[in-house]
Amino acid sequence: MPYEELPSIYKKLELFIAPVFQESFGQVTPFAMSMGVPVLGYDTGAIAEIIGDPDCLVMTGNAEQLAQLILEKLNSPSWMKTKSMFNAERAKLYALDEMVNSYAALYHDKLKVKHEN
């Protein structure tokens, strides 16, 4: 799928499911979050860090538990609305400008400490 088409796809989603078994830091989860889409999935790789909510994850490979979680969340309009707003805000952590600034601050801090010693 062409990258340019992703926003129109994400706008149609009520919920994004990330049933990945192995992934270091996928882009699809922050993309969904930036569009205000709640994300559920398996607790693998960096997804727990990305979404910042362990209640949105189940043990990797447990499809039945994931299906139950999906139904539970879809049946909670207040959770869906709250999570949508939370995700849109949290996704800003992974915006290019924010990440560049964070890395610059980290490197500056580490180089300053090393230089002073």
Protein backbone atom coordinates (compact mmCIF):
# COMPACT_ATOMS: atom_id res chain seq x y z
CA MET A 1 0.00 0.00 0.00
CA PRO A 2 1.42 3.42 -0.91
CA TYR A 3 2.37 5.50 2.11
CA GLU A 4 0.24 8.42 0.89
CA GLU A 5 -2.91 6.29 1.17
CA LEU A 6 -2.43 5.37 4.82
CA PRO A 7 -4.14 8.42 6.38
CA SER A 8 -7.36 7.75 4.46
CA ILE A 9 -7.30 4.13 5.62
CA TYR A 10 -6.62 5.00 9.28
CA LYS A 11 -9.45 7.57 9.26
CA LYS A 12 -11.90 4.72 8.60
CA LEU A 13 -10.75 2.64 11.58
CA GLU A 14 -12.41 2.50 14.98
CA LEU A 15 -9.71 0.25 16.40
CA PHE A 16 -6.27 -0.86 15.24
CA ILE A 17 -5.13 -4.39 16.07
CA ALA A 18 -1.39 -5.13 16.17
CA PRO A 19 -1.13 -8.93 16.50
CA VAL A 20 2.58 -8.98 15.68
CA PHE A 21 4.79 -11.75 17.03
CA GLN A 22 8.12 -10.01 16.63
CA GLU A 23 8.83 -6.39 15.90
CA SER A 24 11.39 -3.99 17.29
CA PHE A 25 9.59 -0.70 16.59
CA GLY A 26 6.94 -0.79 13.93
CA GLN A 27 5.64 2.36 12.32
CA VAL A 28 2.03 1.30 11.93
CA THR A 29 1.22 1.60 15.64
CA PRO A 30 2.35 5.23 16.03
CA PHE A 31 0.66 6.04 12.72
CA ALA A 32 -2.65 4.68 14.01
CA MET A 33 -2.19 6.50 17.29
CA SER A 34 -1.45 9.80 15.55
CA MET A 35 -4.80 9.47 13.78
CA GLY A 36 -6.50 9.03 17.16
CA VAL A 37 -7.14 5.33 16.73
CA PRO A 38 -7.06 3.08 19.82
CA VAL A 39 -4.53 0.25 19.49
CA LEU A 40 -4.71 -3.27 20.90
CA GLY A 41 -2.30 -6.12 20.30
CA TYR A 42 0.22 -8.61 21.52
CA ASP A 43 2.79 -7.62 24.11
CA THR A 44 5.88 -7.99 21.96
CA GLY A 45 8.81 -5.81 20.99
CA ALA A 46 8.44 -2.12 21.73
CA ILE A 47 4.65 -1.95 21.43
CA ALA A 48 4.18 -1.68 25.20
CA GLU A 49 6.52 1.31 25.28
CA ILE A 50 4.90 2.87 22.25
CA ILE A 51 1.31 2.71 23.43
CA GLY A 52 2.09 3.22 27.11
CA ASP A 53 -0.84 1.15 28.40
CA PRO A 54 -0.41 -2.52 29.36
CA ASP A 55 -4.20 -2.92 29.52
CA CYS A 56 -4.22 -2.73 25.71
CA LEU A 57 -2.01 -5.79 25.31
CA VAL A 58 -2.28 -9.52 25.81
CA MET A 59 0.28 -12.29 25.88
CA THR A 60 1.83 -12.80 22.45
CA GLY A 61 0.04 -15.51 20.51
CA ASN A 62 -3.07 -15.66 22.69
CA ALA A 63 -5.65 -14.98 19.96
CA GLU A 64 -8.61 -15.82 22.18
CA GLN A 65 -7.55 -13.33 24.84
CA LEU A 66 -6.96 -10.69 22.15
CA ALA A 67 -10.43 -11.31 20.68
CA GLN A 68 -11.98 -10.90 24.14
CA LEU A 69 -10.07 -7.65 24.67
CA ILE A 70 -11.22 -6.35 21.29
CA LEU A 71 -14.88 -7.02 22.12
CA GLU A 72 -14.51 -5.50 25.58
CA LYS A 73 -13.02 -2.27 24.23
CA LEU A 74 -15.41 -1.97 21.27
CA ASN A 75 -18.29 -2.24 23.74
CA SER A 76 -16.96 0.68 25.79
CA PRO A 77 -17.58 3.91 23.86
CA SER A 78 -16.18 6.01 26.72
CA TRP A 79 -12.93 4.01 26.69
CA MET A 80 -12.70 4.32 22.91
CA LYS A 81 -13.12 8.10 23.07
CA THR A 82 -10.65 8.53 25.94
CA LYS A 83 -8.07 6.24 24.32
CA SER A 84 -8.45 8.02 20.99
CA MET A 85 -7.55 11.36 22.58
CA PHE A 86 -4.74 9.80 24.65
CA ASN A 87 -3.22 8.12 21.58
CA ALA A 88 -3.32 11.26 19.46
CA GLU A 89 -1.40 13.09 22.19
CA ARG A 90 1.03 10.24 22.97
CA ALA A 91 1.90 9.78 19.30
CA LYS A 92 3.47 13.23 19.37
CA LEU A 93 6.37 11.60 21.27
CA TYR A 94 7.23 9.80 18.05
CA ALA A 95 6.92 12.77 15.70
CA LEU A 96 10.12 13.47 13.79
CA ASP A 97 10.76 16.89 15.38
CA GLU A 98 10.18 15.54 18.89
CA MET A 99 12.48 12.56 18.35
CA VAL A 100 15.25 14.72 16.83
CA ASN A 101 15.02 17.14 19.77
CA SER A 102 15.07 14.28 22.28
CA TYR A 103 18.12 12.69 20.68
CA ALA A 104 19.89 16.05 20.47
CA ALA A 105 19.24 16.67 24.18
CA LEU A 106 20.44 13.18 25.07
CA TYR A 107 23.66 13.51 23.05
CA HIS A 108 24.26 17.00 24.38
CA ASP A 109 23.86 15.75 27.95
CA LYS A 110 26.13 12.73 27.44
CA LEU A 111 28.84 14.69 25.61
CA LYS A 112 28.74 17.43 28.24
CA VAL A 113 29.18 14.90 31.05
CA LYS A 114 32.04 13.17 29.21
CA HIS A 115 33.71 16.50 28.41
CA GLU A 116 33.53 17.66 32.03
CA ASN A 117 35.19 14.49 33.39
